């Protein structure tokens, strides 16, 4: 199972293995408080894509299309997350305020679709 959760929400046991999937560290949070297994900044959207999108829901489909294209370059990291999800719960941690239109939600969708390899 793959979940998503804001970095500012407290970690819970049900989160399972937690991975930060943002390129930048969440403001105001200490590393020990985030309780992540790893920081996978290399699979976060590129700086250029982040700047282009600006968390605008009107561009959500375009953002996902471009982000999915970027993710094809990170097969090892994607495979690692998929394997961990087979063994138990994986939570993708992100800092964005929008809980529906963020890179963690897009990444979860990418990981759960069988046609993304």
PDB file of N, CA and C in Angstrom:
ATOM      1  N   UNK A   1       0.836  -1.169   0.000  1.00  0.00           N
ATOM      2  CA  UNK A   1       0.000   0.000   0.000  1.00  0.00           C
ATOM      3  C   UNK A   1       0.890   1.243   0.000  1.00  0.00           C
ATOM      4  N   UNK A   2       0.484   2.225  -0.782  1.00  0.00           N
ATOM      5  CA  UNK A   2       1.238   3.478  -0.859  1.00  0.00           C
ATOM      6  C   UNK A   2       0.346   4.617  -0.397  1.00  0.00           C
ATOM      7  N   UNK A   3       0.813   5.343   0.596  1.00  0.00           N
ATOM      8  CA  UNK A   3       0.094   6.489   1.146  1.00  0.00           C
ATOM      9  C   UNK A   3       0.894   7.757   0.889  1.00  0.00           C
ATOM     10  N   UNK A   4       0.244   8.890   1.059  1.00  0.00           N
ATOM     11  CA  UNK A   4       0.946  10.172   1.021  1.00  0.00           C
ATOM     12  C   UNK A   4       0.598  10.927   2.291  1.00  0.00           C
ATOM     13  N   UNK A   5       1.533  11.787   2.719  1.00  0.00           N
ATOM     14  CA  UNK A   5       1.311  12.516   3.961  1.00  0.00           C
ATOM     15  C   UNK A   5       2.158  13.777   3.970  1.00  0.00           C
ATOM     16  N   UNK A   6       1.585  14.848   4.471  1.00  0.00           N
ATOM     17  CA  UNK A   6       2.334  16.095   4.594  1.00  0.00           C
ATOM     18  C   UNK A   6       3.430  15.927   5.648  1.00  0.00           C
ATOM     19  N   UNK A   7       4.536  16.549   5.408  1.00  0.00           N
ATOM     20  CA  UNK A   7       5.676  16.493   6.329  1.00  0.00           C
ATOM     21  C   UNK A   7       5.315  17.127   7.679  1.00  0.00           C
ATOM     22  N   UNK A   8       4.339  18.013   7.678  1.00  0.00           N
ATOM     23  CA  UNK A   8       3.962  18.738   8.889  1.00  0.00           C
ATOM     24  C   UNK A   8       2.947  17.982   9.742  1.00  0.00           C
ATOM     25  N   UNK A   9       2.455  16.852   9.241  1.00  0.00           N
ATOM     26  CA  UNK A   9       1.579  15.988  10.023  1.00  0.00           C
ATOM     27  C   UNK A   9       2.450  14.998  10.794  1.00  0.00           C
ATOM     28  N   UNK A  10       2.083  14.689  12.030  1.00  0.00           N
ATOM     29  CA  UNK A  10       2.940  13.808  12.833  1.00  0.00           C
ATOM     30  C   UNK A  10       3.047  12.393  12.270  1.00  0.00           C
ATOM     31  N   UNK A  11       4.241  11.810  12.347  1.00  0.00           N
ATOM     32  CA  UNK A  11       4.407  10.415  11.906  1.00  0.00           C
ATOM     33  C   UNK A  11       3.562   9.486  12.774  1.00  0.00           C
ATOM     34  N   UNK A  12       3.073   8.417  12.142  1.00  0.00           N
ATOM     35  CA  UNK A  12       2.295   7.417  12.861  1.00  0.00           C
ATOM     36  C   UNK A  12       2.815   6.035  12.491  1.00  0.00           C
ATOM     37  N   UNK A  13       2.585   5.092  13.368  1.00  0.00           N
ATOM     38  CA  UNK A  13       3.044   3.728  13.122  1.00  0.00           C
ATOM     39  C   UNK A  13       2.466   3.166  11.819  1.00  0.00           C
ATOM     40  N   UNK A  14       1.202   3.520  11.513  1.00  0.00           N
ATOM     41  CA  UNK A  14       0.550   3.003  10.306  1.00  0.00           C
ATOM     42  C   UNK A  14       1.183   3.524   9.013  1.00  0.00           C
ATOM     43  N   UNK A  15       2.064   4.541   9.102  1.00  0.00           N
ATOM     44  CA  UNK A  15       2.741   5.086   7.922  1.00  0.00           C
ATOM     45  C   UNK A  15       3.695   4.077   7.290  1.00  0.00           C
ATOM     46  N   UNK A  16       4.172   3.141   8.069  1.00  0.00           N
ATOM     47  CA  UNK A  16       5.139   2.174   7.545  1.00  0.00           C
ATOM     48  C   UNK A  16       6.457   2.858   7.236  1.00  0.00           C
ATOM     49  N   UNK A  17       7.062   2.496   6.106  1.00  0.00           N
ATOM     50  CA  UNK A  17       8.338   3.091   5.689  1.00  0.00           C
ATOM     51  C   UNK A  17       8.054   4.458   5.065  1.00  0.00           C
ATOM     52  N   UNK A  18       8.645   5.496   5.638  1.00  0.00           N
ATOM     53  CA  UNK A  18       8.397   6.871   5.190  1.00  0.00           C
ATOM     54  C   UNK A  18       9.571   7.373   4.353  1.00  0.00           C
ATOM     55  N   UNK A  19       9.240   7.967   3.190  1.00  0.00           N
ATOM     56  CA  UNK A  19      10.253   8.505   2.290  1.00  0.00           C
ATOM     57  C   UNK A  19       9.888   9.943   1.943  1.00  0.00           C
ATOM     58  N   UNK A  20      10.812  10.863   2.166  1.00  0.00           N
ATOM     59  CA  UNK A  20      10.613  12.242   1.742  1.00  0.00           C
ATOM     60  C   UNK A  20      10.859  12.296   0.239  1.00  0.00           C
ATOM     61  N   UNK A  21       9.891  12.838  -0.517  1.00  0.00           N
ATOM     62  CA  UNK A  21       9.999  12.845  -1.973  1.00  0.00           C
ATOM     63  C   UNK A  21      10.005  14.264  -2.544  1.00  0.00           C
ATOM     64  N   UNK A  22      10.477  15.213  -1.763  1.00  0.00           N
ATOM     65  CA  UNK A  22      10.629  16.601  -2.202  1.00  0.00           C
ATOM     66  C   UNK A  22      12.099  16.888  -2.470  1.00  0.00           C
ATOM     67  N   UNK A  23      12.349  17.814  -3.362  1.00  0.00           N
ATOM     68  CA  UNK A  23      13.722  18.209  -3.679  1.00  0.00           C
ATOM     69  C   UNK A  23      14.314  19.064  -2.553  1.00  0.00           C
ATOM     70  N   UNK A  24      13.461  19.833  -1.878  1.00  0.00           N
ATOM     71  CA  UNK A  24      13.904  20.704  -0.784  1.00  0.00           C
ATOM     72  C   UNK A  24      13.420  20.155   0.546  1.00  0.00           C
ATOM     73  N   UNK A  25      14.234  20.356   1.579  1.00  0.00           N
ATOM     74  CA  UNK A  25      13.841  19.918   2.917  1.00  0.00           C
ATOM     75  C   UNK A  25      12.691  20.802   3.416  1.00  0.00           C
ATOM     76  N   UNK A  26      11.673  20.216   4.051  1.00  0.00           N
ATOM     77  CA  UNK A  26      10.541  21.009   4.555  1.00  0.00           C
ATOM     78  C   UNK A  26      10.985  22.029   5.612  1.00  0.00           C
ATOM     79  N   UNK A  27      10.565  23.247   5.433  1.00  0.00           N
ATOM     80  CA  UNK A  27      10.937  24.333   6.342  1.00  0.00           C
ATOM     81  C   UNK A  27      10.488  24.079   7.763  1.00  0.00           C
ATOM     82  N   UNK A  28      11.404  24.324   8.683  1.00  0.00           N
ATOM     83  CA  UNK A  28      11.069  24.276  10.103  1.00  0.00           C
ATOM     84  C   UNK A  28      10.977  22.894  10.712  1.00  0.00           C
ATOM     85  N   UNK A  29      11.370  21.867   9.997  1.00  0.00           N
ATOM     86  CA  UNK A  29      11.283  20.502  10.538  1.00  0.00           C
ATOM     87  C   UNK A  29      12.686  19.949  10.731  1.00  0.00           C
ATOM     88  N   UNK A  30      12.922  19.422  11.918  1.00  0.00           N
ATOM     89  CA  UNK A  30      14.207  18.788  12.217  1.00  0.00           C
ATOM     90  C   UNK A  30      14.223  17.386  11.606  1.00  0.00           C
ATOM     91  N   UNK A  31      15.390  16.966  11.177  1.00  0.00           N
ATOM     92  CA  UNK A  31      15.512  15.639  10.560  1.00  0.00           C
ATOM     93  C   UNK A  31      14.994  14.536  11.467  1.00  0.00           C
ATOM     94  N   UNK A  32      15.322  14.602  12.749  1.00  0.00           N
ATOM     95  CA  UNK A  32      14.894  13.543  13.660  1.00  0.00           C
ATOM     96  C   UNK A  32      13.379  13.535  13.874  1.00  0.00           C
ATOM     97  N   UNK A  33      12.717  14.652  13.657  1.00  0.00           N
ATOM     98  CA  UNK A  33      11.263  14.723  13.843  1.00  0.00           C
ATOM     99  C   UNK A  33      10.486  14.173  12.646  1.00  0.00           C
ATOM    100  N   UNK A  34      11.099  14.164  11.482  1.00  0.00           N
ATOM    101  CA  UNK A  34      10.401  13.706  10.282  1.00  0.00           C
ATOM    102  C   UNK A  34      10.281  12.183  10.234  1.00  0.00           C
ATOM    103  N   UNK A  35      11.208  11.498  10.844  1.00  0.00           N
ATOM    104  CA  UNK A  35      11.197  10.037  10.935  1.00  0.00           C
ATOM    105  C   UNK A  35      11.027   9.363   9.567  1.00  0.00           C
ATOM    106  N   UNK A  36      11.972   9.661   8.682  1.00  0.00           N
ATOM    107  CA  UNK A  36      11.940   9.065   7.346  1.00  0.00           C
ATOM    108  C   UNK A  36      13.012   7.995   7.222  1.00  0.00           C
ATOM    109  N   UNK A  37      12.765   7.066   6.332  1.00  0.00           N
ATOM    110  CA  UNK A  37      13.764   6.042   6.034  1.00  0.00           C
ATOM    111  C   UNK A  37      14.827   6.600   5.096  1.00  0.00           C
ATOM    112  N   UNK A  38      14.378   7.458   4.166  1.00  0.00           N
ATOM    113  CA  UNK A  38      15.318   8.021   3.209  1.00  0.00           C
ATOM    114  C   UNK A  38      14.722   9.276   2.586  1.00  0.00           C
ATOM    115  N   UNK A  39      15.605  10.130   2.069  1.00  0.00           N
ATOM    116  CA  UNK A  39      15.197  11.333   1.356  1.00  0.00           C
ATOM    117  C   UNK A  39      15.505  11.092  -0.108  1.00  0.00           C
ATOM    118  N   UNK A  40      14.465  10.898  -0.915  1.00  0.00           N
ATOM    119  CA  UNK A  40      14.622  10.554  -2.320  1.00  0.00           C
ATOM    120  C   UNK A  40      14.459  11.800  -3.193  1.00  0.00           C
ATOM    121  N   UNK A  41      15.343  12.767  -2.990  1.00  0.00           N
ATOM    122  CA  UNK A  41      15.216  14.029  -3.729  1.00  0.00           C
ATOM    123  C   UNK A  41      15.455  13.860  -5.227  1.00  0.00           C
ATOM    124  N   UNK A  42      16.159  12.806  -5.619  1.00  0.00           N
ATOM    125  CA  UNK A  42      16.428  12.608  -7.045  1.00  0.00           C
ATOM    126  C   UNK A  42      15.163  12.241  -7.830  1.00  0.00           C
ATOM    127  N   UNK A  43      14.119  11.742  -7.162  1.00  0.00           N
ATOM    128  CA  UNK A  43      12.875  11.442  -7.889  1.00  0.00           C
ATOM    129  C   UNK A  43      11.831  12.546  -7.722  1.00  0.00           C
ATOM    130  N   UNK A  44      12.189  13.613  -7.066  1.00  0.00           N
ATOM    131  CA  UNK A  44      11.294  14.776  -6.985  1.00  0.00           C
ATOM    132  C   UNK A  44      11.285  15.469  -8.345  1.00  0.00           C
ATOM    133  N   UNK A  45      10.242  16.243  -8.621  1.00  0.00           N
ATOM    134  CA  UNK A  45      10.226  16.976  -9.897  1.00  0.00           C
ATOM    135  C   UNK A  45      11.442  17.889 -10.017  1.00  0.00           C
ATOM    136  N   UNK A  46      11.911  18.067 -11.226  1.00  0.00           N
ATOM    137  CA  UNK A  46      13.053  18.949 -11.459  1.00  0.00           C
ATOM    138  C   UNK A  46      12.716  20.375 -11.016  1.00  0.00           C
ATOM    139  N   UNK A  47      13.741  21.133 -10.759  1.00  0.00           N
ATOM    140  CA  UNK A  47      13.558  22.529 -10.357  1.00  0.00           C
ATOM    141  C   UNK A  47      12.762  23.282 -11.429  1.00  0.00           C
ATOM    142  N   UNK A  48      13.072  23.017 -12.677  1.00  0.00           N
ATOM    143  CA  UNK A  48      12.386  23.688 -13.786  1.00  0.00           C
ATOM    144  C   UNK A  48      10.894  23.359 -13.797  1.00  0.00           C
ATOM    145  N   UNK A  49      10.556  22.087 -13.612  1.00  0.00           N
ATOM    146  CA  UNK A  49       9.157  21.678 -13.609  1.00  0.00           C
ATOM    147  C   UNK A  49       8.426  22.270 -12.410  1.00  0.00           C
ATOM    148  N   UNK A  50       9.070  22.273 -11.275  1.00  0.00           N
ATOM    149  CA  UNK A  50       8.474  22.853 -10.069  1.00  0.00           C
ATOM    150  C   UNK A  50       8.142  24.332 -10.283  1.00  0.00           C
ATOM    151  N   UNK A  51       9.080  25.054 -10.859  1.00  0.00           N
ATOM    152  CA  UNK A  51       8.875  26.484 -11.119  1.00  0.00           C
ATOM    153  C   UNK A  51       7.766  26.707 -12.144  1.00  0.00           C
ATOM    154  N   UNK A  52       7.714  25.864 -13.157  1.00  0.00           N
ATOM    155  CA  UNK A  52       6.690  25.978 -14.191  1.00  0.00           C
ATOM    156  C   UNK A  52       5.289  25.748 -13.628  1.00  0.00           C
ATOM    157  N   UNK A  53       5.151  24.719 -12.836  1.00  0.00           N
ATOM    158  CA  UNK A  53       3.853  24.286 -12.328  1.00  0.00           C
ATOM    159  C   UNK A  53       3.303  25.227 -11.257  1.00  0.00           C
ATOM    160  N   UNK A  54       4.138  25.616 -10.297  1.00  0.00           N
ATOM    161  CA  UNK A  54       3.760  26.522  -9.202  1.00  0.00           C
ATOM    162  C   UNK A  54       2.527  26.050  -8.430  1.00  0.00           C
ATOM    163  N   UNK A  55       2.311  24.754  -8.355  1.00  0.00           N
ATOM    164  CA  UNK A  55       1.172  24.157  -7.638  1.00  0.00           C
ATOM    165  C   UNK A  55      -0.171  24.692  -8.112  1.00  0.00           C
ATOM    166  N   UNK A  56      -0.287  24.942  -9.399  1.00  0.00           N
ATOM    167  CA  UNK A  56      -1.532  25.439  -9.981  1.00  0.00           C
ATOM    168  C   UNK A  56      -2.360  24.245 -10.460  1.00  0.00           C
ATOM    169  N   UNK A  57      -3.505  23.970  -9.812  1.00  0.00           N
ATOM    170  CA  UNK A  57      -4.324  22.816 -10.202  1.00  0.00           C
ATOM    171  C   UNK A  57      -4.777  22.830 -11.665  1.00  0.00           C
ATOM    172  N   UNK A  58      -4.841  23.992 -12.277  1.00  0.00           N
ATOM    173  CA  UNK A  58      -5.240  24.067 -13.681  1.00  0.00           C
ATOM    174  C   UNK A  58      -4.233  23.371 -14.595  1.00  0.00           C
ATOM    175  N   UNK A  59      -2.996  23.244 -14.131  1.00  0.00           N
ATOM    176  CA  UNK A  59      -1.936  22.624 -14.932  1.00  0.00           C
ATOM    177  C   UNK A  59      -1.571  21.229 -14.425  1.00  0.00           C
ATOM    178  N   UNK A  60      -2.453  20.644 -13.614  1.00  0.00           N
ATOM    179  CA  UNK A  60      -2.176  19.357 -12.981  1.00  0.00           C
ATOM    180  C   UNK A  60      -1.895  18.253 -14.005  1.00  0.00           C
ATOM    181  N   UNK A  61      -2.710  18.126 -15.024  1.00  0.00           N
ATOM    182  CA  UNK A  61      -2.504  17.070 -16.033  1.00  0.00           C
ATOM    183  C   UNK A  61      -1.182  17.246 -16.767  1.00  0.00           C
ATOM    184  N   UNK A  62      -0.875  18.464 -17.122  1.00  0.00           N
ATOM    185  CA  UNK A  62       0.390  18.745 -17.805  1.00  0.00           C
ATOM    186  C   UNK A  62       1.577  18.459 -16.883  1.00  0.00           C
ATOM    187  N   UNK A  63       1.451  18.862 -15.615  1.00  0.00           N
ATOM    188  CA  UNK A  63       2.506  18.583 -14.639  1.00  0.00           C
ATOM    189  C   UNK A  63       2.757  17.082 -14.542  1.00  0.00           C
ATOM    190  N   UNK A  64       1.691  16.299 -14.386  1.00  0.00           N
ATOM    191  CA  UNK A  64       1.861  14.853 -14.250  1.00  0.00           C
ATOM    192  C   UNK A  64       2.514  14.254 -15.490  1.00  0.00           C
ATOM    193  N   UNK A  65       2.096  14.684 -16.655  1.00  0.00           N
ATOM    194  CA  UNK A  65       2.679  14.154 -17.894  1.00  0.00           C
ATOM    195  C   UNK A  65       4.190  14.404 -17.929  1.00  0.00           C
ATOM    196  N   UNK A  66       4.591  15.623 -17.608  1.00  0.00           N
ATOM    197  CA  UNK A  66       6.018  15.957 -17.628  1.00  0.00           C
ATOM    198  C   UNK A  66       6.773  15.261 -16.495  1.00  0.00           C
ATOM    199  N   UNK A  67       6.159  15.183 -15.328  1.00  0.00           N
ATOM    200  CA  UNK A  67       6.794  14.518 -14.184  1.00  0.00           C
ATOM    201  C   UNK A  67       6.959  13.021 -14.465  1.00  0.00           C
ATOM    202  N   UNK A  68       5.936  12.380 -15.011  1.00  0.00           N
ATOM    203  CA  UNK A  68       6.033  10.962 -15.343  1.00  0.00           C
ATOM    204  C   UNK A  68       7.161  10.717 -16.337  1.00  0.00           C
ATOM    205  N   UNK A  69       7.339  11.640 -17.247  1.00  0.00           N
ATOM    206  CA  UNK A  69       8.440  11.535 -18.205  1.00  0.00           C
ATOM    207  C   UNK A  69       9.787  11.613 -17.484  1.00  0.00           C
ATOM    208  N   UNK A  70       9.901  12.516 -16.520  1.00  0.00           N
ATOM    209  CA  UNK A  70      11.139  12.616 -15.727  1.00  0.00           C
ATOM    210  C   UNK A  70      11.381  11.343 -14.922  1.00  0.00           C
ATOM    211  N   UNK A  71      10.323  10.753 -14.394  1.00  0.00           N
ATOM    212  CA  UNK A  71      10.468   9.570 -13.545  1.00  0.00           C
ATOM    213  C   UNK A  71      11.024   8.372 -14.310  1.00  0.00           C
ATOM    214  N   UNK A  72      10.854   8.339 -15.602  1.00  0.00           N
ATOM    215  CA  UNK A  72      11.383   7.231 -16.415  1.00  0.00           C
ATOM    216  C   UNK A  72      12.910   7.159 -16.333  1.00  0.00           C
ATOM    217  N   UNK A  73      13.539   8.241 -15.941  1.00  0.00           N
ATOM    218  CA  UNK A  73      14.996   8.287 -15.802  1.00  0.00           C
ATOM    219  C   UNK A  73      15.474   7.741 -14.444  1.00  0.00           C
ATOM    220  N   UNK A  74      14.544   7.349 -13.586  1.00  0.00           N
ATOM    221  CA  UNK A  74      14.892   6.914 -12.226  1.00  0.00           C
ATOM    222  C   UNK A  74      14.334   5.526 -11.930  1.00  0.00           C
ATOM    223  N   UNK A  75      14.618   4.608 -12.810  1.00  0.00           N
ATOM    224  CA  UNK A  75      14.068   3.254 -12.711  1.00  0.00           C
ATOM    225  C   UNK A  75      14.461   2.535 -11.424  1.00  0.00           C
ATOM    226  N   UNK A  76      15.698   2.715 -10.970  1.00  0.00           N
ATOM    227  CA  UNK A  76      16.150   2.025  -9.756  1.00  0.00           C
ATOM    228  C   UNK A  76      15.379   2.488  -8.521  1.00  0.00           C
ATOM    229  N   UNK A  77      15.205   3.800  -8.392  1.00  0.00           N
ATOM    230  CA  UNK A  77      14.488   4.342  -7.244  1.00  0.00           C
ATOM    231  C   UNK A  77      13.013   3.935  -7.281  1.00  0.00           C
ATOM    232  N   UNK A  78      12.427   3.951  -8.467  1.00  0.00           N
ATOM    233  CA  UNK A  78      11.028   3.551  -8.633  1.00  0.00           C
ATOM    234  C   UNK A  78      10.864   2.071  -8.265  1.00  0.00           C
ATOM    235  N   UNK A  79      11.776   1.241  -8.737  1.00  0.00           N
ATOM    236  CA  UNK A  79      11.724  -0.187  -8.425  1.00  0.00           C
ATOM    237  C   UNK A  79      11.862  -0.412  -6.914  1.00  0.00           C
ATOM    238  N   UNK A  80      12.728   0.351  -6.283  1.00  0.00           N
ATOM    239  CA  UNK A  80      12.920   0.230  -4.830  1.00  0.00           C
ATOM    240  C   UNK A  80      11.623   0.553  -4.078  1.00  0.00           C
ATOM    241  N   UNK A  81      10.953   1.622  -4.460  1.00  0.00           N
ATOM    242  CA  UNK A  81       9.697   1.986  -3.799  1.00  0.00           C
ATOM    243  C   UNK A  81       8.617   0.930  -4.040  1.00  0.00           C
ATOM    244  N   UNK A  82       8.546   0.408  -5.261  1.00  0.00           N
ATOM    245  CA  UNK A  82       7.547  -0.618  -5.564  1.00  0.00           C
ATOM    246  C   UNK A  82       7.799  -1.877  -4.746  1.00  0.00           C
ATOM    247  N   UNK A  83       9.053  -2.260  -4.600  1.00  0.00           N
ATOM    248  CA  UNK A  83       9.396  -3.439  -3.802  1.00  0.00           C
ATOM    249  C   UNK A  83       9.018  -3.238  -2.336  1.00  0.00           C
ATOM    250  N   UNK A  84       9.337  -2.068  -1.806  1.00  0.00           N
ATOM    251  CA  UNK A  84       8.990  -1.777  -0.406  1.00  0.00           C
ATOM    252  C   UNK A  84       7.480  -1.815  -0.201  1.00  0.00           C
ATOM    253  N   UNK A  85       6.728  -1.339  -1.179  1.00  0.00           N
ATOM    254  CA  UNK A  85       5.266  -1.331  -1.077  1.00  0.00           C
ATOM    255  C   UNK A  85       4.700  -2.750  -1.098  1.00  0.00           C
ATOM    256  N   UNK A  86       5.400  -3.678  -1.764  1.00  0.00           N
ATOM    257  CA  UNK A  86       4.964  -5.078  -1.764  1.00  0.00           C
ATOM    258  C   UNK A  86       5.097  -5.678  -0.373  1.00  0.00           C
ATOM    259  N   UNK A  87       6.112  -5.227   0.377  1.00  0.00           N
ATOM    260  CA  UNK A  87       6.396  -5.772   1.706  1.00  0.00           C
ATOM    261  C   UNK A  87       5.569  -5.132   2.816  1.00  0.00           C
ATOM    262  N   UNK A  88       4.951  -3.993   2.542  1.00  0.00           N
ATOM    263  CA  UNK A  88       4.185  -3.299   3.574  1.00  0.00           C
ATOM    264  C   UNK A  88       3.869  -1.880   3.125  1.00  0.00           C
ATOM    265  N   UNK A  89       3.408  -1.107   4.054  1.00  0.00           N
ATOM    266  CA  UNK A  89       2.999   0.256   3.743  1.00  0.00           C
ATOM    267  C   UNK A  89       4.199   1.165   3.511  1.00  0.00           C
ATOM    268  N   UNK A  90       4.084   1.989   2.475  1.00  0.00           N
ATOM    269  CA  UNK A  90       5.066   3.024   2.172  1.00  0.00           C
ATOM    270  C   UNK A  90       4.321   4.348   2.179  1.00  0.00           C
ATOM    271  N   UNK A  91       4.886   5.339   2.855  1.00  0.00           N
ATOM    272  CA  UNK A  91       4.291   6.670   2.864  1.00  0.00           C
ATOM    273  C   UNK A  91       5.242   7.646   2.192  1.00  0.00           C
ATOM    274  N   UNK A  92       4.727   8.337   1.180  1.00  0.00           N
ATOM    275  CA  UNK A  92       5.481   9.357   0.462  1.00  0.00           C
ATOM    276  C   UNK A  92       5.216  10.691   1.160  1.00  0.00           C
ATOM    277  N   UNK A  93       6.253  11.266   1.718  1.00  0.00           N
ATOM    278  CA  UNK A  93       6.132  12.484   2.521  1.00  0.00           C
ATOM    279  C   UNK A  93       6.474  13.700   1.654  1.00  0.00           C
ATOM    280  N   UNK A  94       5.646  14.730   1.778  1.00  0.00           N
ATOM    281  CA  UNK A  94       5.816  15.953   0.981  1.00  0.00           C
ATOM    282  C   UNK A  94       5.487  17.168   1.840  1.00  0.00           C
ATOM    283  N   UNK A  95       5.872  18.356   1.377  1.00  0.00           N
ATOM    284  CA  UNK A  95       5.658  19.569   2.156  1.00  0.00           C
ATOM    285  C   UNK A  95       4.549  20.475   1.616  1.00  0.00           C
ATOM    286  N   UNK A  96       4.097  20.274   0.404  1.00  0.00           N
ATOM    287  CA  UNK A  96       3.113  21.173  -0.221  1.00  0.00           C
ATOM    288  C   UNK A  96       1.838  21.276   0.613  1.00  0.00           C
ATOM    289  N   UNK A  97       1.189  22.429   0.529  1.00  0.00           N
ATOM    290  CA  UNK A  97      -0.072  22.634   1.248  1.00  0.00           C
ATOM    291  C   UNK A  97      -1.240  21.917   0.586  1.00  0.00           C
ATOM    292  N   UNK A  98      -1.221  21.854  -0.726  1.00  0.00           N
ATOM    293  CA  UNK A  98      -2.304  21.227  -1.478  1.00  0.00           C
ATOM    294  C   UNK A  98      -2.176  19.712  -1.333  1.00  0.00           C
ATOM    295  N   UNK A  99      -3.169  19.104  -0.704  1.00  0.00           N
ATOM    296  CA  UNK A  99      -3.094  17.663  -0.429  1.00  0.00           C
ATOM    297  C   UNK A  99      -3.548  16.808  -1.610  1.00  0.00           C
ATOM    298  N   UNK A 100      -4.083  17.437  -2.658  1.00  0.00           N
ATOM    299  CA  UNK A 100      -4.542  16.685  -3.819  1.00  0.00           C
ATOM    300  C   UNK A 100      -3.644  16.844  -5.033  1.00  0.00           C
ATOM    301  N   UNK A 101      -3.016  18.005  -5.174  1.00  0.00           N
ATOM    302  CA  UNK A 101      -2.209  18.311  -6.359  1.00  0.00           C
ATOM    303  C   UNK A 101      -0.769  18.570  -5.939  1.00  0.00           C
ATOM    304  N   UNK A 102      -0.036  17.502  -5.698  1.00  0.00           N
ATOM    305  CA  UNK A 102       1.365  17.623  -5.287  1.00  0.00           C
ATOM    306  C   UNK A 102       2.155  16.458  -5.873  1.00  0.00           C
ATOM    307  N   UNK A 103       3.458  16.576  -5.827  1.00  0.00           N
ATOM    308  CA  UNK A 103       4.300  15.557  -6.454  1.00  0.00           C
ATOM    309  C   UNK A 103       4.163  14.181  -5.808  1.00  0.00           C
ATOM    310  N   UNK A 104       3.882  14.114  -4.513  1.00  0.00           N
ATOM    311  CA  UNK A 104       3.728  12.813  -3.860  1.00  0.00           C
ATOM    312  C   UNK A 104       2.487  12.088  -4.384  1.00  0.00           C
ATOM    313  N   UNK A 105       1.399  12.830  -4.592  1.00  0.00           N
ATOM    314  CA  UNK A 105       0.190  12.221  -5.154  1.00  0.00           C
ATOM    315  C   UNK A 105       0.450  11.740  -6.581  1.00  0.00           C
ATOM    316  N   UNK A 106       1.145  12.549  -7.356  1.00  0.00           N
ATOM    317  CA  UNK A 106       1.484  12.146  -8.723  1.00  0.00           C
ATOM    318  C   UNK A 106       2.394  10.917  -8.709  1.00  0.00           C
ATOM    319  N   UNK A 107       3.373  10.899  -7.821  1.00  0.00           N
ATOM    320  CA  UNK A 107       4.288   9.760  -7.713  1.00  0.00           C
ATOM    321  C   UNK A 107       3.533   8.503  -7.293  1.00  0.00           C
ATOM    322  N   UNK A 108       2.612   8.635  -6.346  1.00  0.00           N
ATOM    323  CA  UNK A 108       1.804   7.484  -5.925  1.00  0.00           C
ATOM    324  C   UNK A 108       1.039   6.917  -7.117  1.00  0.00           C
ATOM    325  N   UNK A 109       0.437   7.799  -7.900  1.00  0.00           N
ATOM    326  CA  UNK A 109      -0.291   7.362  -9.095  1.00  0.00           C
ATOM    327  C   UNK A 109       0.647   6.630 -10.058  1.00  0.00           C
ATOM    328  N   UNK A 110       1.820   7.178 -10.262  1.00  0.00           N
ATOM    329  CA  UNK A 110       2.812   6.570 -11.150  1.00  0.00           C
ATOM    330  C   UNK A 110       3.216   5.181 -10.662  1.00  0.00           C
ATOM    331  N   UNK A 111       3.440   5.052  -9.360  1.00  0.00           N
ATOM    332  CA  UNK A 111       3.864   3.774  -8.784  1.00  0.00           C
ATOM    333  C   UNK A 111       2.753   2.717  -8.846  1.00  0.00           C
ATOM    334  N   UNK A 112       1.522   3.152  -8.744  1.00  0.00           N
ATOM    335  CA  UNK A 112       0.408   2.194  -8.693  1.00  0.00           C
ATOM    336  C   UNK A 112      -0.067   1.756 -10.070  1.00  0.00           C
ATOM    337  N   UNK A 113       0.297   2.475 -11.124  1.00  0.00           N
ATOM    338  CA  UNK A 113      -0.131   2.072 -12.468  1.00  0.00           C
ATOM    339  C   UNK A 113       0.827   1.031 -13.026  1.00  0.00           C
ATOM    340  N   UNK A 114       0.302  -0.113 -13.450  1.00  0.00           N
ATOM    341  CA  UNK A 114       1.183  -1.167 -13.960  1.00  0.00           C
ATOM    342  C   UNK A 114       1.885  -0.812 -15.255  1.00  0.00           C
ATOM    343  N   UNK A 115       1.369   0.144 -16.015  1.00  0.00           N
ATOM    344  CA  UNK A 115       1.991   0.469 -17.287  1.00  0.00           C
ATOM    345  C   UNK A 115       3.212   1.365 -17.153  1.00  0.00           C
ATOM    346  N   UNK A 116       3.500   1.846 -15.940  1.00  0.00           N
ATOM    347  CA  UNK A 116       4.712   2.656 -15.706  1.00  0.00           C
ATOM    348  C   UNK A 116       5.807   1.732 -15.210  1.00  0.00           C
ATOM    349  N   UNK A 117       6.755   1.458 -16.045  1.00  0.00           N
ATOM    350  CA  UNK A 117       7.845   0.556 -15.645  1.00  0.00           C
ATOM    351  C   UNK A 117       9.167   1.245 -15.745  1.00  0.00           C
TER     352      UNK A 117
END
